[in-house]
């Protein structure tokens, strides 16, 4: 039996909230540490409480790197993120200044018109959008178990 492939995830938006990450990934004990993604920008998605990530020379995005995300969690994460994003490998700088190739979700180039010209901030999300996001976000339906599945 092949060994389970585990990869790291750079979270820059709603998944920075440990409770949302646990619910989405189905992993109650993921370990996270700070990370910095250079040459990218985190912008608000029009009409939503979550951000999108796009390449932008000179910009930096702070986020959380979740280490050793198990293979079965990636299918849940992919469904949660939906069609707006594509999973990609990016170079993230960890707190010890080392650079690692880490998976993240980037807005598909053909869908960048969905983004506002406004930076998304975690503090604002926590104060004004998290509760509404958790009660209304349709991406949760994508990861809900089917009836009869535990």
C-alpha atoms as a PDB file:
ATOM      1  CA  UNK A   1       0.000   0.000   0.000  1.00  0.00           C
ATOM      2  CA  UNK A   2       1.517   3.405  -0.981  1.00  0.00           C
ATOM      3  CA  UNK A   3       2.301   5.899   1.738  1.00  0.00           C
ATOM      4  CA  UNK A   4      -0.175   8.758   2.110  1.00  0.00           C
ATOM      5  CA  UNK A   5       1.124  11.926   0.449  1.00  0.00           C
ATOM      6  CA  UNK A   6       1.054  14.897   2.785  1.00  0.00           C
ATOM      7  CA  UNK A   7       1.632  18.440   1.597  1.00  0.00           C
ATOM      8  CA  UNK A   8       1.675  21.852   3.224  1.00  0.00           C
ATOM      9  CA  UNK A   9      -1.016  24.485   2.577  1.00  0.00           C
ATOM     10  CA  UNK A  10      -0.524  28.261   2.580  1.00  0.00           C
ATOM     11  CA  UNK A  11      -3.786  29.756   3.875  1.00  0.00           C
ATOM     12  CA  UNK A  12      -4.265  33.493   3.357  1.00  0.00           C
ATOM     13  CA  UNK A  13      -7.988  34.032   3.969  1.00  0.00           C
ATOM     14  CA  UNK A  14     -10.814  32.334   5.815  1.00  0.00           C
ATOM     15  CA  UNK A  15      -8.775  29.148   6.287  1.00  0.00           C
ATOM     16  CA  UNK A  16      -6.410  31.128   8.535  1.00  0.00           C
ATOM     17  CA  UNK A  17      -9.147  30.656  11.166  1.00  0.00           C
ATOM     18  CA  UNK A  18      -8.319  27.332  12.802  1.00  0.00           C
ATOM     19  CA  UNK A  19     -11.981  26.461  13.390  1.00  0.00           C
ATOM     20  CA  UNK A  20     -12.872  26.995   9.718  1.00  0.00           C
ATOM     21  CA  UNK A  21      -9.803  25.020   8.618  1.00  0.00           C
ATOM     22  CA  UNK A  22     -10.784  22.129  10.914  1.00  0.00           C
ATOM     23  CA  UNK A  23     -14.347  22.102   9.565  1.00  0.00           C
ATOM     24  CA  UNK A  24     -13.262  22.264   5.932  1.00  0.00           C
ATOM     25  CA  UNK A  25     -10.316  19.866   6.035  1.00  0.00           C
ATOM     26  CA  UNK A  26     -11.821  17.377   8.473  1.00  0.00           C
ATOM     27  CA  UNK A  27      -8.466  17.430  10.319  1.00  0.00           C
ATOM     28  CA  UNK A  28      -8.797  18.393  13.984  1.00  0.00           C
ATOM     29  CA  UNK A  29      -5.087  18.602  14.769  1.00  0.00           C
ATOM     30  CA  UNK A  30      -3.298  20.400  11.953  1.00  0.00           C
ATOM     31  CA  UNK A  31      -0.226  22.378  12.988  1.00  0.00           C
ATOM     32  CA  UNK A  32       0.188  25.865  11.556  1.00  0.00           C
ATOM     33  CA  UNK A  33       2.989  28.415  11.474  1.00  0.00           C
ATOM     34  CA  UNK A  34       3.383  31.847   9.913  1.00  0.00           C
ATOM     35  CA  UNK A  35       4.409  32.224   6.302  1.00  0.00           C
ATOM     36  CA  UNK A  36       5.011  35.010   3.808  1.00  0.00           C
ATOM     37  CA  UNK A  37       4.191  34.823   0.109  1.00  0.00           C
ATOM     38  CA  UNK A  38       5.999  37.427  -1.959  1.00  0.00           C
ATOM     39  CA  UNK A  39       4.896  38.832  -5.307  1.00  0.00           C
ATOM     40  CA  UNK A  40       1.218  38.148  -4.659  1.00  0.00           C
ATOM     41  CA  UNK A  41      -1.718  40.290  -3.550  1.00  0.00           C
ATOM     42  CA  UNK A  42      -4.797  39.356  -1.456  1.00  0.00           C
ATOM     43  CA  UNK A  43      -7.914  41.160  -2.660  1.00  0.00           C
ATOM     44  CA  UNK A  44     -11.584  41.053  -1.671  1.00  0.00           C
ATOM     45  CA  UNK A  45     -13.858  38.946  -3.851  1.00  0.00           C
ATOM     46  CA  UNK A  46     -16.753  41.131  -4.998  1.00  0.00           C
ATOM     47  CA  UNK A  47     -19.836  40.618  -2.814  1.00  0.00           C
ATOM     48  CA  UNK A  48     -18.157  38.025  -0.557  1.00  0.00           C
ATOM     49  CA  UNK A  49     -16.421  37.875   2.824  1.00  0.00           C
ATOM     50  CA  UNK A  50     -13.417  35.938   1.507  1.00  0.00           C
ATOM     51  CA  UNK A  51     -10.365  36.973  -0.549  1.00  0.00           C
ATOM     52  CA  UNK A  52      -8.674  35.909  -3.712  1.00  0.00           C
ATOM     53  CA  UNK A  53      -4.948  35.654  -4.326  1.00  0.00           C
ATOM     54  CA  UNK A  54      -3.320  36.929  -7.524  1.00  0.00           C
ATOM     55  CA  UNK A  55       0.280  37.456  -8.657  1.00  0.00           C
ATOM     56  CA  UNK A  56       1.497  41.033  -8.120  1.00  0.00           C
ATOM     57  CA  UNK A  57       5.201  41.914  -8.308  1.00  0.00           C
ATOM     58  CA  UNK A  58       6.465  43.576  -5.132  1.00  0.00           C
ATOM     59  CA  UNK A  59       3.418  42.764  -2.990  1.00  0.00           C
ATOM     60  CA  UNK A  60       3.479  40.405   0.029  1.00  0.00           C
ATOM     61  CA  UNK A  61       0.798  38.330   1.727  1.00  0.00           C
ATOM     62  CA  UNK A  62       1.076  37.063   5.291  1.00  0.00           C
ATOM     63  CA  UNK A  63      -0.644  33.792   6.025  1.00  0.00           C
ATOM     64  CA  UNK A  64      -0.532  30.499   7.849  1.00  0.00           C
ATOM     65  CA  UNK A  65       1.205  27.368   6.616  1.00  0.00           C
ATOM     66  CA  UNK A  66      -0.595  24.212   7.695  1.00  0.00           C
ATOM     67  CA  UNK A  67       1.951  21.421   7.737  1.00  0.00           C
ATOM     68  CA  UNK A  68       1.441  17.840   6.570  1.00  0.00           C
ATOM     69  CA  UNK A  69      -2.141  18.149   5.328  1.00  0.00           C
ATOM     70  CA  UNK A  70      -3.219  14.566   4.588  1.00  0.00           C
ATOM     71  CA  UNK A  71      -4.210  13.485   1.092  1.00  0.00           C
ATOM     72  CA  UNK A  72      -7.898  12.944   1.940  1.00  0.00           C
ATOM     73  CA  UNK A  73      -8.198  16.542   3.180  1.00  0.00           C
ATOM     74  CA  UNK A  74      -7.148  17.934  -0.216  1.00  0.00           C
ATOM     75  CA  UNK A  75     -10.289  16.639  -1.931  1.00  0.00           C
ATOM     76  CA  UNK A  76     -12.398  18.433   0.692  1.00  0.00           C
ATOM     77  CA  UNK A  77     -10.333  21.610   0.323  1.00  0.00           C
ATOM     78  CA  UNK A  78     -10.607  21.528  -3.481  1.00  0.00           C
ATOM     79  CA  UNK A  79     -14.415  21.178  -3.281  1.00  0.00           C
ATOM     80  CA  UNK A  80     -14.642  23.965  -0.694  1.00  0.00           C
ATOM     81  CA  UNK A  81     -12.582  26.373  -2.795  1.00  0.00           C
ATOM     82  CA  UNK A  82     -14.688  25.747  -5.894  1.00  0.00           C
ATOM     83  CA  UNK A  83     -14.273  26.924  -9.471  1.00  0.00           C
ATOM     84  CA  UNK A  84     -12.956  30.423  -8.704  1.00  0.00           C
ATOM     85  CA  UNK A  85      -9.586  29.025  -7.641  1.00  0.00           C
ATOM     86  CA  UNK A  86      -6.895  26.728  -8.941  1.00  0.00           C
ATOM     87  CA  UNK A  87      -4.490  24.964  -6.614  1.00  0.00           C
ATOM     88  CA  UNK A  88      -0.881  25.903  -7.307  1.00  0.00           C
ATOM     89  CA  UNK A  89       2.559  25.474  -5.814  1.00  0.00           C
ATOM     90  CA  UNK A  90       4.107  28.730  -4.559  1.00  0.00           C
ATOM     91  CA  UNK A  91       7.355  29.685  -2.817  1.00  0.00           C
ATOM     92  CA  UNK A  92       6.558  30.607   0.793  1.00  0.00           C
ATOM     93  CA  UNK A  93       9.046  32.033   3.264  1.00  0.00           C
ATOM     94  CA  UNK A  94       8.755  30.520   6.740  1.00  0.00           C
ATOM     95  CA  UNK A  95       9.671  32.231  10.026  1.00  0.00           C
ATOM     96  CA  UNK A  96      13.193  30.761   9.875  1.00  0.00           C
ATOM     97  CA  UNK A  97      13.709  32.540   6.499  1.00  0.00           C
ATOM     98  CA  UNK A  98      13.745  29.269   4.528  1.00  0.00           C
ATOM     99  CA  UNK A  99      11.716  29.086   1.326  1.00  0.00           C
ATOM    100  CA  UNK A 100       9.445  26.095   0.734  1.00  0.00           C
ATOM    101  CA  UNK A 101       7.263  25.011  -2.159  1.00  0.00           C
ATOM    102  CA  UNK A 102       3.757  24.964  -0.703  1.00  0.00           C
ATOM    103  CA  UNK A 103       0.254  24.500  -2.131  1.00  0.00           C
ATOM    104  CA  UNK A 104      -2.246  27.377  -2.142  1.00  0.00           C
ATOM    105  CA  UNK A 105      -5.361  28.470  -4.002  1.00  0.00           C
ATOM    106  CA  UNK A 106      -4.986  31.252  -6.584  1.00  0.00           C
ATOM    107  CA  UNK A 107      -7.804  32.956  -8.478  1.00  0.00           C
ATOM    108  CA  UNK A 108      -8.023  31.581 -11.993  1.00  0.00           C
ATOM    109  CA  UNK A 109      -6.608  34.223 -14.387  1.00  0.00           C
ATOM    110  CA  UNK A 110      -9.820  34.318 -16.416  1.00  0.00           C
ATOM    111  CA  UNK A 111     -11.849  35.141 -13.266  1.00  0.00           C
ATOM    112  CA  UNK A 112      -9.840  38.036 -11.817  1.00  0.00           C
ATOM    113  CA  UNK A 113     -12.669  40.438 -12.754  1.00  0.00           C
ATOM    114  CA  UNK A 114     -14.447  39.007  -9.669  1.00  0.00           C
ATOM    115  CA  UNK A 115     -11.926  40.797  -7.463  1.00  0.00           C
ATOM    116  CA  UNK A 116     -12.307  44.281  -6.017  1.00  0.00           C
ATOM    117  CA  UNK A 117      -9.431  46.734  -5.979  1.00  0.00           C
ATOM    118  CA  UNK A 118      -9.447  46.490  -2.187  1.00  0.00           C
ATOM    119  CA  UNK A 119      -7.121  44.541   0.107  1.00  0.00           C
ATOM    120  CA  UNK A 120      -8.783  41.832   2.256  1.00  0.00           C
ATOM    121  CA  UNK A 121      -7.812  41.950   5.930  1.00  0.00           C
ATOM    122  CA  UNK A 122      -8.231  39.172   8.478  1.00  0.00           C
ATOM    123  CA  UNK A 123      -9.057  41.579  11.317  1.00  0.00           C
ATOM    124  CA  UNK A 124     -12.005  43.014   9.389  1.00  0.00           C
ATOM    125  CA  UNK A 125     -13.230  39.525   8.536  1.00  0.00           C
ATOM    126  CA  UNK A 126     -13.086  38.470  12.199  1.00  0.00           C
ATOM    127  CA  UNK A 127     -14.978  41.606  13.310  1.00  0.00           C
ATOM    128  CA  UNK A 128     -17.557  41.922  10.558  1.00  0.00           C
ATOM    129  CA  UNK A 129     -17.830  38.884   8.334  1.00  0.00           C
ATOM    130  CA  UNK A 130     -16.903  35.601   9.972  1.00  0.00           C
ATOM    131  CA  UNK A 131     -20.277  34.786  11.539  1.00  0.00           C
ATOM    132  CA  UNK A 132     -22.150  35.567   8.326  1.00  0.00           C
ATOM    133  CA  UNK A 133     -19.595  33.636   6.258  1.00  0.00           C
ATOM    134  CA  UNK A 134     -19.972  30.555   8.462  1.00  0.00           C
ATOM    135  CA  UNK A 135     -23.759  30.631   8.258  1.00  0.00           C
ATOM    136  CA  UNK A 136     -24.122  31.492   4.566  1.00  0.00           C
ATOM    137  CA  UNK A 137     -21.112  30.316   2.548  1.00  0.00           C
ATOM    138  CA  UNK A 138     -22.223  27.810  -0.085  1.00  0.00           C
ATOM    139  CA  UNK A 139     -18.773  26.178  -0.168  1.00  0.00           C
ATOM    140  CA  UNK A 140     -19.651  24.365   3.047  1.00  0.00           C
ATOM    141  CA  UNK A 141     -22.317  22.427   1.158  1.00  0.00           C
ATOM    142  CA  UNK A 142     -19.598  21.020  -1.106  1.00  0.00           C
ATOM    143  CA  UNK A 143     -17.857  19.350   1.817  1.00  0.00           C
ATOM    144  CA  UNK A 144     -20.913  18.191   3.746  1.00  0.00           C
ATOM    145  CA  UNK A 145     -21.143  14.406   4.003  1.00  0.00           C
ATOM    146  CA  UNK A 146     -23.772  12.695   1.926  1.00  0.00           C
ATOM    147  CA  UNK A 147     -26.808  11.336   3.805  1.00  0.00           C
ATOM    148  CA  UNK A 148     -25.912   8.056   5.425  1.00  0.00           C
ATOM    149  CA  UNK A 149     -22.181   8.821   5.411  1.00  0.00           C
ATOM    150  CA  UNK A 150     -20.494   9.447   8.722  1.00  0.00           C
END
